[in-house]
Amino acid sequence: MGLQLSLIVIAIIMLGSVLFACVKILQEYERAVVFRLGRYTSVRGPGLILLIPFIERMVRVNLRTLVMDVPPQDIITRDNVSVKVSAVVYFRVVAPEKAILEVEDAYYATSQLSQTSLRSIIGQFELDILLSSREKINIELQSVIDKQTEPWGVKVSAVELKHIDLPSEMQRAMARQAEAERERRAKVINADGEFEAATKLTEASAIMQSNPITLQLRYLQTLADISSKNNAVTIIPFPIDLIQNAIKALKG
């Protein structure tokens, strides 16, 4: 009786092991790459799939978009400036069978390829372009990496430069350059203002010269402005033309 019970328990355990080996449940974002006696047969899933015990085996593949950080890379730009650049890569598996058959570890391979491509592409640009044209560089990085990962069944959807660290001496030089540029713009704006004011004064003097009555009106307006203020001392401007007429009369 005890032997029979032991055999029944062993049979149940073996049956459970067989069922566990042949029945698999895959999530919506998962696929199973199935091998039969070592030979690739098909991609199955999602949901419930059945495997032939001891004959078939499967490898799970995640189809969701993955986010991978590219650690800071020491790079020398085209104009010989040493920088540290880090990035982030968004990619996903679109062909599960290729991701298993064509490369040993698609995720590790994509990571290494991203690092080497980052160093290669960034080294082709000068520092000013690197700082001002990130979008252009992101697109070029995405295109280069995606083209090389396509045989692995991996689609690189986006690459974004994360940090660009400059040497301290370069940061100080850029700060001085930015300050000089601000001073130059301020001087240009000030000069433009002076030029515009001089132009307006020239136009006003031409109008007053062609019509002397405008000068008298301006004189009266100036007197009105002075009288409206509570000053202890009031200075009344005297027209120059009256003085000139008086001098001519005395000489005559």
Protein backbone atom coordinates (compact mmCIF):
# COMPACT_ATOMS: atom_id res chain seq x y z
CA MET A 1 0.00 0.00 0.00
CA GLY A 2 2.79 2.39 0.90
CA LEU A 3 4.62 1.53 -2.35
CA GLN A 4 1.52 2.23 -4.42
CA LEU A 5 1.01 5.60 -2.72
CA SER A 6 4.62 6.51 -3.40
CA LEU A 7 4.23 5.57 -7.06
CA ILE A 8 1.09 7.67 -7.32
CA VAL A 9 2.86 10.67 -5.80
CA ILE A 10 5.80 10.23 -8.16
CA ALA A 11 3.42 9.94 -11.11
CA ILE A 12 1.61 13.14 -10.12
CA ILE A 13 4.90 14.96 -9.76
CA MET A 14 6.10 13.76 -13.15
CA LEU A 15 2.78 14.68 -14.74
CA GLY A 16 2.96 18.15 -13.22
CA SER A 17 6.50 18.59 -14.48
CA VAL A 18 5.44 17.54 -17.98
CA LEU A 19 2.50 19.94 -17.96
CA PHE A 20 4.71 22.75 -16.68
CA ALA A 21 7.19 22.04 -19.47
CA CYS A 22 4.63 21.90 -22.27
CA VAL A 23 2.14 24.62 -21.25
CA LYS A 24 3.31 28.23 -21.33
CA ILE A 25 1.45 31.52 -21.02
CA LEU A 26 2.84 34.60 -22.74
CA GLN A 27 1.87 38.20 -22.06
CA GLU A 28 0.58 40.46 -24.83
CA TYR A 29 4.01 42.09 -25.19
CA GLU A 30 5.90 38.76 -25.30
CA ARG A 31 6.69 36.29 -28.06
CA ALA A 32 8.18 32.79 -27.91
CA VAL A 33 10.88 31.74 -30.36
CA VAL A 34 10.41 27.96 -30.49
CA PHE A 35 13.15 25.41 -31.26
CA ARG A 36 12.49 21.75 -32.01
CA LEU A 37 15.49 19.52 -31.39
CA GLY A 38 17.67 22.60 -31.72
CA ARG A 39 16.15 23.80 -34.99
CA TYR A 40 14.12 27.01 -35.19
CA THR A 41 10.47 26.32 -36.06
CA SER A 42 8.26 29.35 -35.39
CA VAL A 43 7.35 32.39 -33.32
CA ARG A 44 4.34 31.83 -31.07
CA GLY A 45 2.21 33.90 -28.74
CA PRO A 46 0.80 35.78 -27.03
CA GLY A 47 -1.49 33.73 -24.79
CA LEU A 48 -1.42 29.99 -24.17
CA ILE A 49 1.04 27.91 -26.16
CA LEU A 50 1.85 24.20 -26.06
CA LEU A 51 5.29 22.69 -26.39
CA ILE A 52 6.22 19.07 -27.00
CA PRO A 53 7.95 17.95 -23.79
CA PHE A 54 11.70 17.30 -24.12
CA ILE A 55 11.45 17.97 -27.86
CA GLU A 56 10.67 21.67 -28.04
CA ARG A 57 11.98 24.59 -26.05
CA MET A 58 11.29 28.29 -26.25
CA VAL A 59 13.03 31.61 -25.66
CA ARG A 60 10.94 34.56 -24.45
CA VAL A 61 11.40 37.87 -26.24
CA ASN A 62 10.12 41.21 -24.92
CA LEU A 63 8.62 43.43 -27.66
CA ARG A 64 8.18 46.58 -25.56
CA THR A 65 10.26 49.71 -26.16
CA LEU A 66 13.28 49.66 -23.90
CA VAL A 67 15.23 52.67 -22.64
CA MET A 68 18.99 52.27 -22.41
CA ASP A 69 21.45 54.80 -20.97
CA VAL A 70 24.71 55.21 -22.84
CA PRO A 71 27.37 56.01 -20.20
CA PRO A 72 29.53 59.14 -20.67
CA GLN A 73 32.06 58.73 -23.45
CA ASP A 74 35.36 60.63 -23.71
CA ILE A 75 35.29 62.16 -27.19
CA ILE A 76 37.52 64.59 -29.08
CA THR A 77 35.55 66.85 -31.38
CA ARG A 78 36.62 67.86 -34.87
CA ASP A 79 38.21 71.06 -33.52
CA ASN A 80 40.22 69.08 -30.92
CA VAL A 81 38.11 69.80 -27.83
CA SER A 82 37.83 66.97 -25.29
CA VAL A 83 34.24 66.46 -24.07
CA LYS A 84 32.23 63.84 -22.22
CA VAL A 85 28.93 62.97 -23.87
CA SER A 86 26.17 60.68 -22.60
CA ALA A 87 22.98 59.69 -24.38
CA VAL A 88 19.81 57.65 -24.07
CA VAL A 89 18.59 55.15 -26.70
CA TYR A 90 15.00 53.99 -27.26
CA PHE A 91 14.70 50.67 -29.09
CA ARG A 92 12.54 47.56 -29.36
CA VAL A 93 12.61 44.11 -30.96
CA VAL A 94 10.47 43.90 -34.11
CA ALA A 95 11.65 40.51 -35.36
CA PRO A 96 11.99 38.08 -32.42
CA GLU A 97 13.51 35.29 -34.49
CA LYS A 98 16.33 37.55 -35.72
CA ALA A 99 16.99 38.86 -32.21
CA ILE A 100 17.66 35.28 -31.10
CA LEU A 101 19.23 33.72 -34.20
CA GLU A 102 21.39 36.54 -35.57
CA VAL A 103 23.06 37.83 -32.38
CA GLU A 104 23.92 36.27 -29.04
CA ASP A 105 22.55 39.11 -26.90
CA ALA A 106 20.63 41.77 -28.83
CA TYR A 107 20.41 44.14 -25.86
CA TYR A 108 24.13 44.03 -25.04
CA ALA A 109 25.06 44.31 -28.70
CA THR A 110 22.83 47.36 -29.13
CA SER A 111 24.41 48.94 -26.06
CA GLN A 112 27.96 48.45 -27.34
CA LEU A 113 27.04 49.63 -30.82
CA SER A 114 25.45 52.77 -29.37
CA GLN A 115 28.64 53.63 -27.49
CA THR A 116 30.92 53.19 -30.49
CA SER A 117 28.53 55.07 -32.80
CA LEU A 118 28.30 57.94 -30.30
CA ARG A 119 32.08 58.34 -30.26
CA SER A 120 32.31 58.07 -34.03
CA ILE A 121 29.53 60.52 -34.90
CA ILE A 122 30.30 63.17 -32.27
CA GLY A 123 33.95 63.21 -33.36
CA GLN A 124 32.87 64.47 -36.79
CA PHE A 125 31.36 67.71 -35.45
CA GLU A 126 32.91 70.88 -34.10
CA LEU A 127 32.03 71.99 -30.58
CA ASP A 128 29.80 74.89 -31.66
CA ILE A 129 27.72 72.61 -33.88
CA LEU A 130 27.58 69.98 -31.14
CA LEU A 131 26.09 72.52 -28.71
CA SER A 132 23.71 74.22 -31.15
CA SER A 133 22.51 71.36 -33.39
CA ARG A 134 21.57 68.56 -31.02
CA GLU A 135 18.45 67.66 -32.98
CA LYS A 136 20.45 67.12 -36.16
CA ILE A 137 22.99 64.95 -34.33
CA ASN A 138 20.21 62.94 -32.64
CA ILE A 139 18.67 62.13 -36.02
CA GLU A 140 22.01 61.10 -37.50
CA LEU A 141 22.81 58.88 -34.50
CA GLN A 142 19.40 57.22 -34.71
CA SER A 143 19.83 56.56 -38.43
CA VAL A 144 23.33 55.08 -38.08
CA ILE A 145 22.51 52.80 -35.13
CA ASP A 146 19.17 51.68 -36.58
CA LYS A 147 20.81 50.72 -39.87
CA GLN A 148 23.33 48.47 -38.09
CA THR A 149 20.80 46.84 -35.72
CA GLU A 150 18.29 46.06 -38.49
CA PRO A 151 19.82 42.60 -39.22
CA TRP A 152 19.27 41.75 -35.53
CA GLY A 153 15.55 42.55 -35.70
CA VAL A 154 16.01 45.61 -33.47
CA LYS A 155 14.39 48.95 -34.31
CA VAL A 156 16.01 52.07 -32.82
CA SER A 157 13.21 54.64 -32.60
CA ALA A 158 15.12 57.56 -31.06
CA VAL A 159 18.48 58.66 -29.71
CA GLU A 160 18.80 61.73 -27.47
CA LEU A 161 22.01 63.37 -26.29
CA LYS A 162 21.73 63.60 -22.52
CA HIS A 163 24.72 65.55 -21.16
CA ILE A 164 27.66 67.33 -22.75
CA ASP A 165 30.36 68.03 -20.16
CA LEU A 166 33.06 70.53 -21.14
CA PRO A 167 36.48 71.06 -19.51
CA SER A 168 36.54 73.87 -16.94
CA GLU A 169 38.91 76.02 -19.01
CA MET A 170 36.60 75.71 -22.00
CA GLN A 171 33.63 76.74 -19.87
CA ARG A 172 35.49 79.86 -18.72
CA ALA A 173 36.48 80.70 -22.29
CA MET A 174 32.88 80.33 -23.46
CA ALA A 175 31.69 82.53 -20.58
CA ARG A 176 34.15 85.26 -21.61
CA GLN A 177 33.07 84.92 -25.22
CA ALA A 178 29.40 85.21 -24.26
CA GLU A 179 30.12 88.30 -22.14
CA ALA A 180 32.04 89.93 -24.99
CA GLU A 181 29.19 89.17 -27.36
CA ARG A 182 26.69 90.79 -24.98
CA GLU A 183 28.88 93.91 -24.70
CA ARG A 184 29.19 94.07 -28.49
CA ARG A 185 25.43 93.88 -28.92
CA ALA A 186 24.90 96.59 -26.29
CA LYS A 187 27.34 98.90 -28.07
CA VAL A 188 25.68 98.24 -31.42
CA ILE A 189 22.24 98.98 -29.96
CA ASN A 190 23.54 102.16 -28.32
CA ALA A 191 25.17 103.28 -31.57
CA ASP A 192 21.96 102.60 -33.48
CA GLY A 193 20.06 104.72 -30.95
CA GLU A 194 22.53 107.58 -31.27
CA PHE A 195 22.35 107.41 -35.06
CA GLU A 196 18.56 107.42 -35.04
CA ALA A 197 18.47 110.36 -32.60
CA ALA A 198 20.96 112.32 -34.72
CA THR A 199 18.90 111.60 -37.83
CA LYS A 200 15.74 112.88 -36.18
CA LEU A 201 17.51 116.01 -34.91
CA THR A 202 18.84 116.69 -38.40
CA GLU A 203 15.36 116.35 -39.84
CA ALA A 204 13.94 118.66 -37.13
CA SER A 205 16.62 121.32 -37.73
CA ALA A 206 15.90 121.22 -41.46
CA ILE A 207 12.21 121.80 -40.81
CA MET A 208 12.90 124.68 -38.40
CA GLN A 209 15.31 126.28 -40.87
CA SER A 210 12.78 126.17 -43.68
CA ASN A 211 10.00 127.54 -41.42
CA PRO A 212 11.35 129.94 -38.73
CA ILE A 213 7.98 130.18 -36.96
CA THR A 214 8.47 126.62 -35.68
CA LEU A 215 11.53 127.79 -33.76
CA GLN A 216 9.46 130.49 -32.05
CA LEU A 217 6.78 127.95 -31.14
CA ARG A 218 9.43 125.68 -29.68
CA TYR A 219 10.81 128.60 -27.68
CA LEU A 220 7.37 129.39 -26.24
CA GLN A 221 6.82 125.72 -25.36
CA THR A 222 10.14 125.64 -23.53
CA LEU A 223 9.14 128.72 -21.49
CA ALA A 224 5.84 127.07 -20.59
CA ASP A 225 7.64 123.94 -19.41
CA ILE A 226 10.03 125.96 -17.25
CA SER A 227 7.28 128.04 -15.65
CA SER A 228 5.29 124.95 -14.71
CA LYS A 229 8.05 123.73 -12.39
CA ASN A 230 8.60 125.06 -8.88
CA ASN A 231 12.24 126.06 -9.14
CA ALA A 232 14.03 128.51 -6.88
CA VAL A 233 16.03 129.78 -9.86
CA THR A 234 14.48 130.08 -13.29
CA ILE A 235 16.70 130.34 -16.36
CA ILE A 236 14.98 131.82 -19.38
CA PRO A 237 16.65 130.96 -22.69
CA PHE A 238 17.26 133.99 -24.91
CA PRO A 239 16.92 133.58 -28.66
CA ILE A 240 20.27 133.74 -30.45
CA ASP A 241 18.77 135.45 -33.47
CA LEU A 242 17.78 138.48 -31.36
CA ILE A 243 21.33 138.84 -30.13
CA GLN A 244 22.65 138.60 -33.66
CA ASN A 245 20.22 141.30 -34.83
CA ALA A 246 21.26 143.57 -31.94
CA ILE A 247 24.95 143.12 -32.81
CA LYS A 248 24.29 143.94 -36.45
CA ALA A 249 22.35 147.07 -35.45
CA LEU A 250 25.22 148.29 -33.24
CA LYS A 251 27.76 147.72 -35.98
CA GLY A 252 25.56 149.48 -38.46
